[in-house]
Amino acid sequence: MASLSIRLDLDPAVRVGPGKVRLLELIAEHGSISAAGRALGMSYRRAWMLVDELNRSFAQPVVEGQIGGRHGGGATVTPFGKRLISCYRAIEREAAKAAEEHLSELQSSTAG
C-alpha cells in the first residue's frame, strides 16, 4: 500500500520528520531518551543528539531532562514538544487524506 512521508523544513536548519517525531513520542511513553532510542534501534548518543538538535531549533525546549535520583534520571516531553507532535501528526493526516486518490492511482500503476 502506498504511503506518504512528510518532512517539515521550517527553516533551512530546522527539519522535523517522522523519525524525530517518533522519537519524541517514545520519550513521552518511556520517560527516557535512552529507552526511546533503544525502541528505535538507535544509540543513546544518536537519540540525545536528535533531541539536542530539536531543543536548539526552537525558542522553547521540546524535551527536558530530569535529575537522577535513586532510580536514575529521565526525560519528559514539554508541552511545546507535545504540541509539535500534535501539529506534525495533524499535517501528516491531512496531507495523506489529500493525496489518497493520487497515491492509489500511482500504486495501481506499479509493476509489483
C-alpha atoms as a PDB file:
ATOM      1  CA  MET A   1       0.000   0.000   0.000  1.00  0.00           C
ATOM      2  CA  ALA A   2       1.257   3.464  -0.883  1.00  0.00           C
ATOM      3  CA  SER A   3       2.073   5.847   1.911  1.00  0.00           C
ATOM      4  CA  LEU A   4       3.144   9.424   2.298  1.00  0.00           C
ATOM      5  CA  SER A   5       6.123  10.569   4.362  1.00  0.00           C
ATOM      6  CA  ILE A   6       6.249  14.196   5.478  1.00  0.00           C
ATOM      7  CA  ARG A   7       9.295  16.230   6.431  1.00  0.00           C
ATOM      8  CA  LEU A   8       8.786  19.781   7.574  1.00  0.00           C
ATOM      9  CA  ASP A   9      11.510  22.241   6.612  1.00  0.00           C
ATOM     10  CA  LEU A  10      10.637  25.064   8.972  1.00  0.00           C
ATOM     11  CA  ASP A  11      13.901  26.899   8.380  1.00  0.00           C
ATOM     12  CA  PRO A  12      16.993  25.919   6.397  1.00  0.00           C
ATOM     13  CA  ALA A  13      18.421  24.359   9.556  1.00  0.00           C
ATOM     14  CA  VAL A  14      15.173  23.221  11.220  1.00  0.00           C
ATOM     15  CA  ARG A  15      13.844  19.937   9.887  1.00  0.00           C
ATOM     16  CA  VAL A  16      11.242  17.751  11.555  1.00  0.00           C
ATOM     17  CA  GLY A  17      10.254  14.418  10.105  1.00  0.00           C
ATOM     18  CA  PRO A  18       8.752  11.085  11.069  1.00  0.00           C
ATOM     19  CA  GLY A  19      11.877   9.822  12.855  1.00  0.00           C
ATOM     20  CA  LYS A  20      12.227  12.785  15.199  1.00  0.00           C
ATOM     21  CA  VAL A  21       8.505  12.836  15.913  1.00  0.00           C
ATOM     22  CA  ARG A  22       8.500   9.108  16.688  1.00  0.00           C
ATOM     23  CA  LEU A  23      11.495   9.634  18.990  1.00  0.00           C
ATOM     24  CA  LEU A  24       9.538  12.326  20.865  1.00  0.00           C
ATOM     25  CA  GLU A  25       6.505  10.032  21.131  1.00  0.00           C
ATOM     26  CA  LEU A  26       8.652   7.265  22.589  1.00  0.00           C
ATOM     27  CA  ILE A  27      10.347   9.636  25.045  1.00  0.00           C
ATOM     28  CA  ALA A  28       6.870  10.653  26.221  1.00  0.00           C
ATOM     29  CA  GLU A  29       5.907   6.980  26.522  1.00  0.00           C
ATOM     30  CA  HIS A  30       9.070   5.711  28.245  1.00  0.00           C
ATOM     31  CA  GLY A  31      10.194   8.828  30.122  1.00  0.00           C
ATOM     32  CA  SER A  32      13.717   8.248  28.889  1.00  0.00           C
ATOM     33  CA  ILE A  33      15.852   9.229  25.905  1.00  0.00           C
ATOM     34  CA  SER A  34      17.869   6.006  26.148  1.00  0.00           C
ATOM     35  CA  ALA A  35      14.748   3.793  26.274  1.00  0.00           C
ATOM     36  CA  ALA A  36      13.238   5.664  23.327  1.00  0.00           C
ATOM     37  CA  GLY A  37      16.462   5.244  21.382  1.00  0.00           C
ATOM     38  CA  ARG A  38      16.568   1.516  22.165  1.00  0.00           C
ATOM     39  CA  ALA A  39      12.959   1.147  20.996  1.00  0.00           C
ATOM     40  CA  LEU A  40      14.010   2.669  17.667  1.00  0.00           C
ATOM     41  CA  GLY A  41      17.224   0.649  17.448  1.00  0.00           C
ATOM     42  CA  MET A  42      19.457   3.698  17.802  1.00  0.00           C
ATOM     43  CA  SER A  43      22.217   4.518  20.227  1.00  0.00           C
ATOM     44  CA  TYR A  44      21.674   6.798  23.200  1.00  0.00           C
ATOM     45  CA  ARG A  45      24.180   9.219  21.671  1.00  0.00           C
ATOM     46  CA  ARG A  46      22.228   9.457  18.396  1.00  0.00           C
ATOM     47  CA  ALA A  47      18.914   9.892  20.234  1.00  0.00           C
ATOM     48  CA  TRP A  48      20.423  12.537  22.516  1.00  0.00           C
ATOM     49  CA  MET A  49      21.904  14.405  19.523  1.00  0.00           C
ATOM     50  CA  LEU A  50      18.495  14.498  17.800  1.00  0.00           C
ATOM     51  CA  VAL A  51      16.827  15.777  20.975  1.00  0.00           C
ATOM     52  CA  ASP A  52      19.554  18.386  21.419  1.00  0.00           C
ATOM     53  CA  GLU A  53      19.103  19.489  17.802  1.00  0.00           C
ATOM     54  CA  LEU A  54      15.345  19.870  18.326  1.00  0.00           C
ATOM     55  CA  ASN A  55      15.843  21.780  21.573  1.00  0.00           C
ATOM     56  CA  ARG A  56      18.271  24.188  19.898  1.00  0.00           C
ATOM     57  CA  SER A  57      15.970  24.624  16.884  1.00  0.00           C
ATOM     58  CA  PHE A  58      13.019  26.104  18.745  1.00  0.00           C
ATOM     59  CA  ALA A  59      12.566  29.043  21.097  1.00  0.00           C
ATOM     60  CA  GLN A  60      11.162  26.637  23.703  1.00  0.00           C
ATOM     61  CA  PRO A  61      12.576  23.251  24.715  1.00  0.00           C
ATOM     62  CA  VAL A  62      10.960  20.155  23.263  1.00  0.00           C
ATOM     63  CA  VAL A  63      12.385  17.741  25.846  1.00  0.00           C
ATOM     64  CA  GLU A  64      13.603  18.432  29.374  1.00  0.00           C
ATOM     65  CA  GLY A  65      15.877  16.182  31.356  1.00  0.00           C
ATOM     66  CA  GLN A  66      15.122  15.173  34.908  1.00  0.00           C
ATOM     67  CA  ILE A  67      17.845  14.970  37.540  1.00  0.00           C
ATOM     68  CA  GLY A  68      18.774  11.430  38.512  1.00  0.00           C
ATOM     69  CA  GLY A  69      17.966  10.012  41.888  1.00  0.00           C
ATOM     70  CA  ARG A  70      17.900   6.524  43.310  1.00  0.00           C
ATOM     71  CA  HIS A  71      16.284   5.247  40.127  1.00  0.00           C
ATOM     72  CA  GLY A  72      18.215   7.480  37.722  1.00  0.00           C
ATOM     73  CA  GLY A  73      17.103  10.480  35.719  1.00  0.00           C
ATOM     74  CA  GLY A  74      14.775  10.634  32.830  1.00  0.00           C
ATOM     75  CA  ALA A  75      13.295  12.936  30.270  1.00  0.00           C
ATOM     76  CA  THR A  76       9.912  14.459  29.633  1.00  0.00           C
ATOM     77  CA  VAL A  77       8.410  15.932  26.515  1.00  0.00           C
ATOM     78  CA  THR A  78       7.427  19.527  27.278  1.00  0.00           C
ATOM     79  CA  PRO A  79       4.002  20.978  26.493  1.00  0.00           C
ATOM     80  CA  PHE A  80       5.581  22.603  23.425  1.00  0.00           C
ATOM     81  CA  GLY A  81       7.057  19.227  22.416  1.00  0.00           C
ATOM     82  CA  LYS A  82       3.605  17.656  22.713  1.00  0.00           C
ATOM     83  CA  ARG A  83       2.219  20.456  20.546  1.00  0.00           C
ATOM     84  CA  LEU A  84       4.951  19.808  17.966  1.00  0.00           C
ATOM     85  CA  ILE A  85       3.956  16.125  17.849  1.00  0.00           C
ATOM     86  CA  SER A  86       0.285  17.041  17.571  1.00  0.00           C
ATOM     87  CA  CYS A  87       0.831  19.562  14.758  1.00  0.00           C
ATOM     88  CA  TYR A  88       3.087  17.200  12.843  1.00  0.00           C
ATOM     89  CA  ARG A  89       0.613  14.302  13.083  1.00  0.00           C
ATOM     90  CA  ALA A  90      -2.274  16.595  12.007  1.00  0.00           C
ATOM     91  CA  ILE A  91      -0.299  17.780   8.976  1.00  0.00           C
ATOM     92  CA  GLU A  92       0.537  14.165   8.175  1.00  0.00           C
ATOM     93  CA  ARG A  93      -3.121  13.049   8.379  1.00  0.00           C
ATOM     94  CA  GLU A  94      -4.411  15.948   6.288  1.00  0.00           C
ATOM     95  CA  ALA A  95      -1.713  15.513   3.631  1.00  0.00           C
ATOM     96  CA  ALA A  96      -2.373  11.772   3.419  1.00  0.00           C
ATOM     97  CA  LYS A  97      -6.082  12.401   3.011  1.00  0.00           C
ATOM     98  CA  ALA A  98      -5.461  14.983   0.277  1.00  0.00           C
ATOM     99  CA  ALA A  99      -3.059  12.659  -1.563  1.00  0.00           C
ATOM    100  CA  GLU A 100      -5.047   9.435  -1.112  1.00  0.00           C
ATOM    101  CA  GLU A 101      -6.601   9.344  -4.585  1.00  0.00           C
ATOM    102  CA  HIS A 102      -3.319  10.157  -6.317  1.00  0.00           C
ATOM    103  CA  LEU A 103      -1.363   7.625  -4.246  1.00  0.00           C
ATOM    104  CA  SER A 104      -3.925   4.936  -5.033  1.00  0.00           C
ATOM    105  CA  GLU A 105      -3.693   5.673  -8.749  1.00  0.00           C
ATOM    106  CA  LEU A 106       0.095   5.557  -8.701  1.00  0.00           C
ATOM    107  CA  GLN A 107       0.126   2.409  -6.552  1.00  0.00           C
ATOM    108  CA  SER A 108      -2.121   0.590  -9.029  1.00  0.00           C
ATOM    109  CA  SER A 109       0.313   1.504 -11.814  1.00  0.00           C
ATOM    110  CA  THR A 110       3.377  -0.094 -10.233  1.00  0.00           C
ATOM    111  CA  ALA A 111       4.962  -3.192 -11.764  1.00  0.00           C
ATOM    112  CA  GLY A 112       4.622  -5.119  -8.477  1.00  0.00           C
END
